[in-house]
Amino acid sequence: MTTRDLDGRRALVTGGAGDIGRSVVERLVARGAEVTVLDRAAPADLRVDLADARAVEAIADVVRTDAFDILVQCAAVVRLGRLVESGPDDWDLMYAVNQRAPMVLTQAALPGMVERGWGRVVLIGSDSARAGAGGESAYAATKAALLGFARSAAREVARAGVTVNVVCPGPIDTAMTRAAMADRPQTLERLVRAIPVGRLGAADEVAAAVDWLVAPSAGFVTGQAVSVSGGMTMQ
């Protein structure tokens, strides 16, 4: 039975039109939260390209004034390729969306959460940031930055009743994964064989971890990286 323990709470979900984001939104709504969806694609309440620094600053102004209690950041881009074959254009795009935008929006949300004495920030990272992955050097770097950011921010706001955590998905069956692997079917097959549970994860399995971390009952969990990887990494 789903409890309505988030009644009266306001949530912002970036990347809320994607596979993981939609599952997060559905779970938050089921628990009573009022959810605003931010995405560059429809359907979204706020349509914005997080690669655009000016657009991010405009959204940050909204976050500062709209009293969001929960911030879940799912938006991301990935450009696969060996490091020696990649370049700064792809690096800069992934940095802007995967690292800079989450930092700006978190910075905007935290003062209000601290003032109200309650808040939940969940960043969607990646298991490649924890274990490394061939062809994902730049992507993993942007996601690894979120781990240090979250742990440091968590220390700054913990006594105010605000938690900051990271969920690190492993290989998940999403549109982004399918697009990235479209011309690498053998790579995808090898990847699945390497997963101890023997399959790709589902978007809702990632959302379930987010669901736990935003709960009022998870107030003693902060500064953590929760792996949802089918056993690809174990710690």
C-alpha atoms as a PDB file:
ATOM      1  CA  MET A   1       0.000   0.000   0.000  1.00  0.00           C
ATOM      2  CA  THR A   2       1.332   3.421  -0.982  1.00  0.00           C
ATOM      3  CA  THR A   3       1.379   5.934   1.846  1.00  0.00           C
ATOM      4  CA  ARG A   4       0.597   9.624   1.308  1.00  0.00           C
ATOM      5  CA  ASP A   5       3.594  10.709   3.358  1.00  0.00           C
ATOM      6  CA  LEU A   6       4.541  13.451   0.895  1.00  0.00           C
ATOM      7  CA  ASP A   7       1.223  15.294   0.997  1.00  0.00           C
ATOM      8  CA  GLY A   8       1.909  19.016   0.867  1.00  0.00           C
ATOM      9  CA  ARG A   9       5.473  18.567  -0.402  1.00  0.00           C
ATOM     10  CA  ARG A  10       6.548  20.176  -3.684  1.00  0.00           C
ATOM     11  CA  ALA A  11       8.965  18.341  -5.943  1.00  0.00           C
ATOM     12  CA  LEU A  12      10.954  19.258  -9.039  1.00  0.00           C
ATOM     13  CA  VAL A  13      12.158  16.426 -11.276  1.00  0.00           C
ATOM     14  CA  THR A  14      14.610  17.257 -14.061  1.00  0.00           C
ATOM     15  CA  GLY A  15      14.605  14.904 -17.009  1.00  0.00           C
ATOM     16  CA  GLY A  16      11.083  14.024 -15.925  1.00  0.00           C
ATOM     17  CA  ALA A  17       9.977  13.073 -19.436  1.00  0.00           C
ATOM     18  CA  GLY A  18      12.602  10.325 -19.710  1.00  0.00           C
ATOM     19  CA  ASP A  19      12.185   6.712 -18.678  1.00  0.00           C
ATOM     20  CA  ILE A  20      13.654   7.015 -15.185  1.00  0.00           C
ATOM     21  CA  GLY A  21      12.235  10.486 -14.671  1.00  0.00           C
ATOM     22  CA  ARG A  22       8.692   9.395 -15.524  1.00  0.00           C
ATOM     23  CA  SER A  23       8.906   6.532 -13.047  1.00  0.00           C
ATOM     24  CA  VAL A  24      10.148   8.922 -10.357  1.00  0.00           C
ATOM     25  CA  VAL A  25       7.304  11.338 -11.084  1.00  0.00           C
ATOM     26  CA  GLU A  26       4.698   8.574 -10.900  1.00  0.00           C
ATOM     27  CA  ARG A  27       5.995   7.421  -7.518  1.00  0.00           C
ATOM     28  CA  LEU A  28       6.111  10.937  -6.095  1.00  0.00           C
ATOM     29  CA  VAL A  29       2.588  11.714  -7.260  1.00  0.00           C
ATOM     30  CA  ALA A  30       1.324   8.436  -5.766  1.00  0.00           C
ATOM     31  CA  ARG A  31       2.718   9.526  -2.409  1.00  0.00           C
ATOM     32  CA  GLY A  32       0.977  12.877  -2.519  1.00  0.00           C
ATOM     33  CA  ALA A  33       3.684  15.243  -3.756  1.00  0.00           C
ATOM     34  CA  GLU A  34       2.923  18.116  -6.105  1.00  0.00           C
ATOM     35  CA  VAL A  35       5.415  17.498  -8.911  1.00  0.00           C
ATOM     36  CA  THR A  36       6.827  19.905 -11.482  1.00  0.00           C
ATOM     37  CA  VAL A  37       8.522  18.246 -14.451  1.00  0.00           C
ATOM     38  CA  LEU A  38      11.484  19.884 -16.149  1.00  0.00           C
ATOM     39  CA  ASP A  39      12.687  18.498 -19.470  1.00  0.00           C
ATOM     40  CA  ARG A  40      13.734  19.675 -22.902  1.00  0.00           C
ATOM     41  CA  ALA A  41      11.066  17.445 -24.434  1.00  0.00           C
ATOM     42  CA  ALA A  42       7.307  17.280 -24.000  1.00  0.00           C
ATOM     43  CA  PRO A  43       5.467  16.536 -21.825  1.00  0.00           C
ATOM     44  CA  ALA A  44       7.018  18.881 -19.283  1.00  0.00           C
ATOM     45  CA  ASP A  45       5.846  21.741 -17.112  1.00  0.00           C
ATOM     46  CA  LEU A  46       9.125  23.567 -17.674  1.00  0.00           C
ATOM     47  CA  ARG A  47      10.815  23.017 -21.024  1.00  0.00           C
ATOM     48  CA  VAL A  48      14.486  23.880 -20.973  1.00  0.00           C
ATOM     49  CA  ASP A  49      17.767  22.706 -22.438  1.00  0.00           C
ATOM     50  CA  LEU A  50      20.142  22.244 -19.512  1.00  0.00           C
ATOM     51  CA  ALA A  51      23.094  22.679 -21.858  1.00  0.00           C
ATOM     52  CA  ASP A  52      22.095  26.360 -22.066  1.00  0.00           C
ATOM     53  CA  ALA A  53      23.692  28.127 -19.090  1.00  0.00           C
ATOM     54  CA  ARG A  54      21.349  31.121 -19.318  1.00  0.00           C
ATOM     55  CA  ALA A  55      18.314  28.852 -19.344  1.00  0.00           C
ATOM     56  CA  VAL A  56      19.637  27.032 -16.290  1.00  0.00           C
ATOM     57  CA  GLU A  57      20.066  30.318 -14.435  1.00  0.00           C
ATOM     58  CA  ALA A  58      16.460  31.243 -15.291  1.00  0.00           C
ATOM     59  CA  ILE A  59      15.236  27.926 -13.893  1.00  0.00           C
ATOM     60  CA  ALA A  60      17.399  28.458 -10.814  1.00  0.00           C
ATOM     61  CA  ASP A  61      15.487  31.684 -10.179  1.00  0.00           C
ATOM     62  CA  VAL A  62      12.237  29.691 -10.303  1.00  0.00           C
ATOM     63  CA  VAL A  63      13.669  27.144  -7.862  1.00  0.00           C
ATOM     64  CA  ARG A  64      14.670  29.889  -5.439  1.00  0.00           C
ATOM     65  CA  THR A  65      11.162  31.332  -5.317  1.00  0.00           C
ATOM     66  CA  ASP A  66       8.905  28.281  -5.661  1.00  0.00           C
ATOM     67  CA  ALA A  67       9.754  26.513  -2.379  1.00  0.00           C
ATOM     68  CA  PHE A  68      10.537  23.023  -3.643  1.00  0.00           C
ATOM     69  CA  ASP A  69      10.988  20.482  -0.858  1.00  0.00           C
ATOM     70  CA  ILE A  70      12.282  17.701  -3.115  1.00  0.00           C
ATOM     71  CA  LEU A  71      14.731  17.980  -6.014  1.00  0.00           C
ATOM     72  CA  VAL A  72      15.414  14.886  -8.115  1.00  0.00           C
ATOM     73  CA  GLN A  73      17.855  15.411 -10.974  1.00  0.00           C
ATOM     74  CA  CYS A  74      17.534  12.756 -13.676  1.00  0.00           C
ATOM     75  CA  ALA A  75      18.479  14.780 -16.759  1.00  0.00           C
ATOM     76  CA  ALA A  76      21.661  13.603 -18.484  1.00  0.00           C
ATOM     77  CA  VAL A  77      23.372  13.206 -21.819  1.00  0.00           C
ATOM     78  CA  VAL A  78      25.924  10.590 -22.805  1.00  0.00           C
ATOM     79  CA  ARG A  79      28.383  10.461 -25.688  1.00  0.00           C
ATOM     80  CA  LEU A  80      30.102   7.092 -25.871  1.00  0.00           C
ATOM     81  CA  GLY A  81      33.542   6.629 -27.343  1.00  0.00           C
ATOM     82  CA  ARG A  82      37.103   5.824 -26.400  1.00  0.00           C
ATOM     83  CA  LEU A  83      38.875   8.721 -24.731  1.00  0.00           C
ATOM     84  CA  VAL A  84      41.440   9.080 -27.526  1.00  0.00           C
ATOM     85  CA  GLU A  85      38.590   9.398 -30.036  1.00  0.00           C
ATOM     86  CA  SER A  86      36.517  11.911 -28.066  1.00  0.00           C
ATOM     87  CA  GLY A  87      36.840  15.667 -27.931  1.00  0.00           C
ATOM     88  CA  PRO A  88      36.094  18.818 -25.930  1.00  0.00           C
ATOM     89  CA  ASP A  89      32.767  19.517 -27.645  1.00  0.00           C
ATOM     90  CA  ASP A  90      31.262  16.301 -26.257  1.00  0.00           C
ATOM     91  CA  TRP A  91      33.011  16.808 -22.916  1.00  0.00           C
ATOM     92  CA  ASP A  92      31.601  20.315 -22.570  1.00  0.00           C
ATOM     93  CA  LEU A  93      28.072  19.152 -23.397  1.00  0.00           C
ATOM     94  CA  MET A  94      28.185  16.384 -20.785  1.00  0.00           C
ATOM     95  CA  TYR A  95      29.748  18.725 -18.232  1.00  0.00           C
ATOM     96  CA  ALA A  96      27.000  21.315 -18.765  1.00  0.00           C
ATOM     97  CA  VAL A  97      24.071  18.909 -18.455  1.00  0.00           C
ATOM     98  CA  ASN A  98      25.403  16.215 -16.118  1.00  0.00           C
ATOM     99  CA  GLN A  99      27.430  18.296 -13.698  1.00  0.00           C
ATOM    100  CA  ARG A 100      27.015  22.068 -13.912  1.00  0.00           C
ATOM    101  CA  ALA A 101      23.221  22.186 -14.140  1.00  0.00           C
ATOM    102  CA  PRO A 102      22.662  19.864 -11.141  1.00  0.00           C
ATOM    103  CA  MET A 103      25.080  21.936  -9.067  1.00  0.00           C
ATOM    104  CA  VAL A 104      23.373  25.218  -9.987  1.00  0.00           C
ATOM    105  CA  LEU A 105      19.885  23.898  -9.269  1.00  0.00           C
ATOM    106  CA  THR A 106      20.929  22.269  -6.004  1.00  0.00           C
ATOM    107  CA  GLN A 107      22.557  25.511  -4.898  1.00  0.00           C
ATOM    108  CA  ALA A 108      19.310  27.325  -5.693  1.00  0.00           C
ATOM    109  CA  ALA A 109      17.114  24.828  -3.816  1.00  0.00           C
ATOM    110  CA  LEU A 110      19.099  24.362  -0.614  1.00  0.00           C
ATOM    111  CA  PRO A 111      18.574  27.740   1.116  1.00  0.00           C
ATOM    112  CA  GLY A 112      14.800  27.353   1.075  1.00  0.00           C
ATOM    113  CA  MET A 113      15.006  23.764   2.277  1.00  0.00           C
ATOM    114  CA  VAL A 114      17.308  24.781   5.109  1.00  0.00           C
ATOM    115  CA  GLU A 115      15.017  27.641   6.098  1.00  0.00           C
ATOM    116  CA  ARG A 116      11.991  25.309   6.206  1.00  0.00           C
ATOM    117  CA  GLY A 117      13.950  22.625   8.070  1.00  0.00           C
ATOM    118  CA  TRP A 118      13.271  19.790   5.615  1.00  0.00           C
ATOM    119  CA  GLY A 119      14.462  18.798   2.162  1.00  0.00           C
ATOM    120  CA  ARG A 120      15.529  15.968  -0.088  1.00  0.00           C
ATOM    121  CA  VAL A 121      17.988  16.218  -2.973  1.00  0.00           C
ATOM    122  CA  VAL A 122      18.661  13.119  -5.069  1.00  0.00           C
ATOM    123  CA  LEU A 123      21.103  13.184  -7.963  1.00  0.00           C
ATOM    124  CA  ILE A 124      21.113  10.431 -10.580  1.00  0.00           C
ATOM    125  CA  GLY A 125      24.728   9.434 -11.055  1.00  0.00           C
ATOM    126  CA  SER A 126      26.101   6.312 -12.702  1.00  0.00           C
ATOM    127  CA  ASP A 127      27.867   3.148 -11.642  1.00  0.00           C
ATOM    128  CA  SER A 128      30.489   3.963 -14.273  1.00  0.00           C
ATOM    129  CA  ALA A 129      31.502   6.852 -11.994  1.00  0.00           C
ATOM    130  CA  ARG A 130      32.270   4.346  -9.230  1.00  0.00           C
ATOM    131  CA  ALA A 131      33.792   1.484 -11.203  1.00  0.00           C
ATOM    132  CA  GLY A 132      34.799   2.947 -14.567  1.00  0.00           C
ATOM    133  CA  ALA A 133      33.599   1.785 -17.965  1.00  0.00           C
ATOM    134  CA  GLY A 134      35.315   1.578 -21.331  1.00  0.00           C
ATOM    135  CA  GLY A 135      34.061   4.211 -23.723  1.00  0.00           C
ATOM    136  CA  GLU A 136      32.632   6.342 -20.928  1.00  0.00           C
ATOM    137  CA  SER A 137      35.638   8.289 -19.632  1.00  0.00           C
ATOM    138  CA  ALA A 138      34.165  11.768 -20.005  1.00  0.00           C
ATOM    139  CA  TYR A 139      30.651  10.701 -19.038  1.00  0.00           C
ATOM    140  CA  ALA A 140      31.967   8.896 -15.959  1.00  0.00           C
ATOM    141  CA  ALA A 141      33.988  11.966 -15.014  1.00  0.00           C
ATOM    142  CA  THR A 142      30.910  14.200 -15.005  1.00  0.00           C
ATOM    143  CA  LYS A 143      28.971  11.692 -12.932  1.00  0.00           C
ATOM    144  CA  ALA A 144      31.870  11.115 -10.532  1.00  0.00           C
ATOM    145  CA  ALA A 145      31.893  14.835  -9.822  1.00  0.00           C
ATOM    146  CA  LEU A 146      28.355  14.502  -8.481  1.00  0.00           C
ATOM    147  CA  LEU A 147      29.550  12.077  -5.811  1.00  0.00           C
ATOM    148  CA  GLY A 148      31.990  14.536  -4.272  1.00  0.00           C
ATOM    149  CA  PHE A 149      29.517  17.375  -4.664  1.00  0.00           C
ATOM    150  CA  ALA A 150      26.696  15.480  -2.955  1.00  0.00           C
ATOM    151  CA  ARG A 151      28.813  14.300  -0.048  1.00  0.00           C
ATOM    152  CA  SER A 152      30.145  17.786   0.596  1.00  0.00           C
ATOM    153  CA  ALA A 153      26.746  19.460   0.266  1.00  0.00           C
ATOM    154  CA  ALA A 154      25.227  16.814   2.539  1.00  0.00           C
ATOM    155  CA  ARG A 155      27.647  17.767   5.308  1.00  0.00           C
ATOM    156  CA  GLU A 156      26.743  21.428   4.978  1.00  0.00           C
ATOM    157  CA  VAL A 157      22.984  20.988   5.385  1.00  0.00           C
ATOM    158  CA  ALA A 158      22.571  17.813   7.446  1.00  0.00           C
ATOM    159  CA  ARG A 159      21.740  19.567  10.718  1.00  0.00           C
ATOM    160  CA  ALA A 160      18.958  21.491   8.984  1.00  0.00           C
ATOM    161  CA  GLY A 161      17.016  18.328   8.170  1.00  0.00           C
ATOM    162  CA  VAL A 162      18.083  18.269   4.515  1.00  0.00           C
ATOM    163  CA  THR A 163      19.606  15.190   2.873  1.00  0.00           C
ATOM    164  CA  VAL A 164      21.625  14.945  -0.334  1.00  0.00           C
ATOM    165  CA  ASN A 165      22.202  11.545  -1.940  1.00  0.00           C
ATOM    166  CA  VAL A 166      23.139   9.971  -5.259  1.00  0.00           C
ATOM    167  CA  VAL A 167      21.529   6.986  -6.971  1.00  0.00           C
ATOM    168  CA  CYS A 168      23.989   5.243  -9.295  1.00  0.00           C
ATOM    169  CA  PRO A 169      22.269   3.138 -11.953  1.00  0.00           C
ATOM    170  CA  GLY A 170      24.108   0.382 -13.723  1.00  0.00           C
ATOM    171  CA  PRO A 171      22.921  -0.798 -17.150  1.00  0.00           C
ATOM    172  CA  ILE A 172      19.238   0.191 -17.360  1.00  0.00           C
ATOM    173  CA  ASP A 173      16.846  -0.486 -20.226  1.00  0.00           C
ATOM    174  CA  THR A 174      16.040   3.088 -21.250  1.00  0.00           C
ATOM    175  CA  ALA A 175      15.694   4.968 -24.520  1.00  0.00           C
ATOM    176  CA  MET A 176      19.051   6.631 -23.840  1.00  0.00           C
ATOM    177  CA  THR A 177      20.747   3.245 -23.377  1.00  0.00           C
ATOM    178  CA  ARG A 178      19.143   1.839 -26.519  1.00  0.00           C
ATOM    179  CA  ALA A 179      20.176   4.881 -28.564  1.00  0.00           C
ATOM    180  CA  ALA A 180      23.739   4.786 -27.251  1.00  0.00           C
ATOM    181  CA  MET A 181      24.044   1.074 -28.025  1.00  0.00           C
ATOM    182  CA  ALA A 182      22.157   1.091 -31.335  1.00  0.00           C
ATOM    183  CA  ASP A 183      25.317   0.502 -33.379  1.00  0.00           C
ATOM    184  CA  ARG A 184      27.004  -1.647 -30.702  1.00  0.00           C
ATOM    185  CA  PRO A 185      24.781  -4.742 -30.324  1.00  0.00           C
ATOM    186  CA  GLN A 186      27.692  -6.992 -29.392  1.00  0.00           C
ATOM    187  CA  THR A 187      28.800  -4.549 -26.697  1.00  0.00           C
ATOM    188  CA  LEU A 188      25.285  -4.635 -25.234  1.00  0.00           C
ATOM    189  CA  GLU A 189      25.259  -8.447 -25.262  1.00  0.00           C
ATOM    190  CA  ARG A 190      28.602  -8.587 -23.448  1.00  0.00           C
ATOM    191  CA  LEU A 191      27.330  -6.054 -20.963  1.00  0.00           C
ATOM    192  CA  VAL A 192      24.250  -8.094 -20.116  1.00  0.00           C
ATOM    193  CA  ARG A 193      26.367 -11.244 -19.686  1.00  0.00           C
ATOM    194  CA  ALA A 194      28.519  -9.374 -17.153  1.00  0.00           C
ATOM    195  CA  ILE A 195      25.571  -8.423 -14.942  1.00  0.00           C
ATOM    196  CA  PRO A 196      25.244 -10.924 -12.068  1.00  0.00           C
ATOM    197  CA  VAL A 197      21.431 -10.870 -12.157  1.00  0.00           C
ATOM    198  CA  GLY A 198      21.590 -11.585 -15.897  1.00  0.00           C
ATOM    199  CA  ARG A 199      19.510  -8.719 -17.318  1.00  0.00           C
ATOM    200  CA  LEU A 200      19.280  -4.983 -17.759  1.00  0.00           C
ATOM    201  CA  GLY A 201      17.609  -3.062 -14.980  1.00  0.00           C
ATOM    202  CA  ALA A 202      14.213  -1.394 -15.307  1.00  0.00           C
ATOM    203  CA  ALA A 203      13.663   2.348 -14.959  1.00  0.00           C
ATOM    204  CA  ASP A 204      11.260   1.808 -12.081  1.00  0.00           C
ATOM    205  CA  GLU A 205      13.928  -0.100 -10.159  1.00  0.00           C
ATOM    206  CA  VAL A 206      15.998   3.080 -10.178  1.00  0.00           C
ATOM    207  CA  ALA A 207      12.938   5.117  -9.235  1.00  0.00           C
ATOM    208  CA  ALA A 208      12.349   2.782  -6.292  1.00  0.00           C
ATOM    209  CA  ALA A 209      15.711   3.795  -4.824  1.00  0.00           C
ATOM    210  CA  VAL A 210      14.813   7.462  -5.279  1.00  0.00           C
ATOM    211  CA  ASP A 211      11.429   6.755  -3.704  1.00  0.00           C
ATOM    212  CA  TRP A 212      13.168   5.448  -0.599  1.00  0.00           C
ATOM    213  CA  LEU A 213      15.615   8.349  -0.315  1.00  0.00           C
ATOM    214  CA  VAL A 214      12.964  11.082  -0.521  1.00  0.00           C
ATOM    215  CA  ALA A 215      10.807   9.504   2.181  1.00  0.00           C
ATOM    216  CA  PRO A 216      10.454  11.257   5.547  1.00  0.00           C
ATOM    217  CA  SER A 217      11.686   8.007   7.092  1.00  0.00           C
ATOM    218  CA  ALA A 218      15.040   8.316   5.251  1.00  0.00           C
ATOM    219  CA  GLY A 219      16.148  11.372   7.181  1.00  0.00           C
ATOM    220  CA  PHE A 220      19.149   9.520   8.638  1.00  0.00           C
ATOM    221  CA  VAL A 221      20.500   8.658   5.164  1.00  0.00           C
ATOM    222  CA  THR A 222      22.634  11.381   3.604  1.00  0.00           C
ATOM    223  CA  GLY A 223      25.823  11.723   1.593  1.00  0.00           C
ATOM    224  CA  GLN A 224      25.387   8.211   0.191  1.00  0.00           C
ATOM    225  CA  ALA A 225      25.809   6.673  -3.260  1.00  0.00           C
ATOM    226  CA  VAL A 226      23.227   3.919  -3.753  1.00  0.00           C
ATOM    227  CA  SER A 227      24.075   1.478  -6.529  1.00  0.00           C
ATOM    228  CA  VAL A 228      21.234   0.017  -8.603  1.00  0.00           C
ATOM    229  CA  SER A 229      23.321  -2.144 -10.881  1.00  0.00           C
ATOM    230  CA  GLY A 230      22.243  -5.767 -10.654  1.00  0.00           C
ATOM    231  CA  GLY A 231      25.442  -6.539  -8.774  1.00  0.00           C
ATOM    232  CA  MET A 232      27.843  -5.024 -11.343  1.00  0.00           C
ATOM    233  CA  THR A 233      29.516  -3.269  -8.443  1.00  0.00           C
ATOM    234  CA  MET A 234      29.387  -4.474  -4.866  1.00  0.00           C
ATOM    235  CA  GLN A 235      30.521  -2.502  -1.831  1.00  0.00           C
END
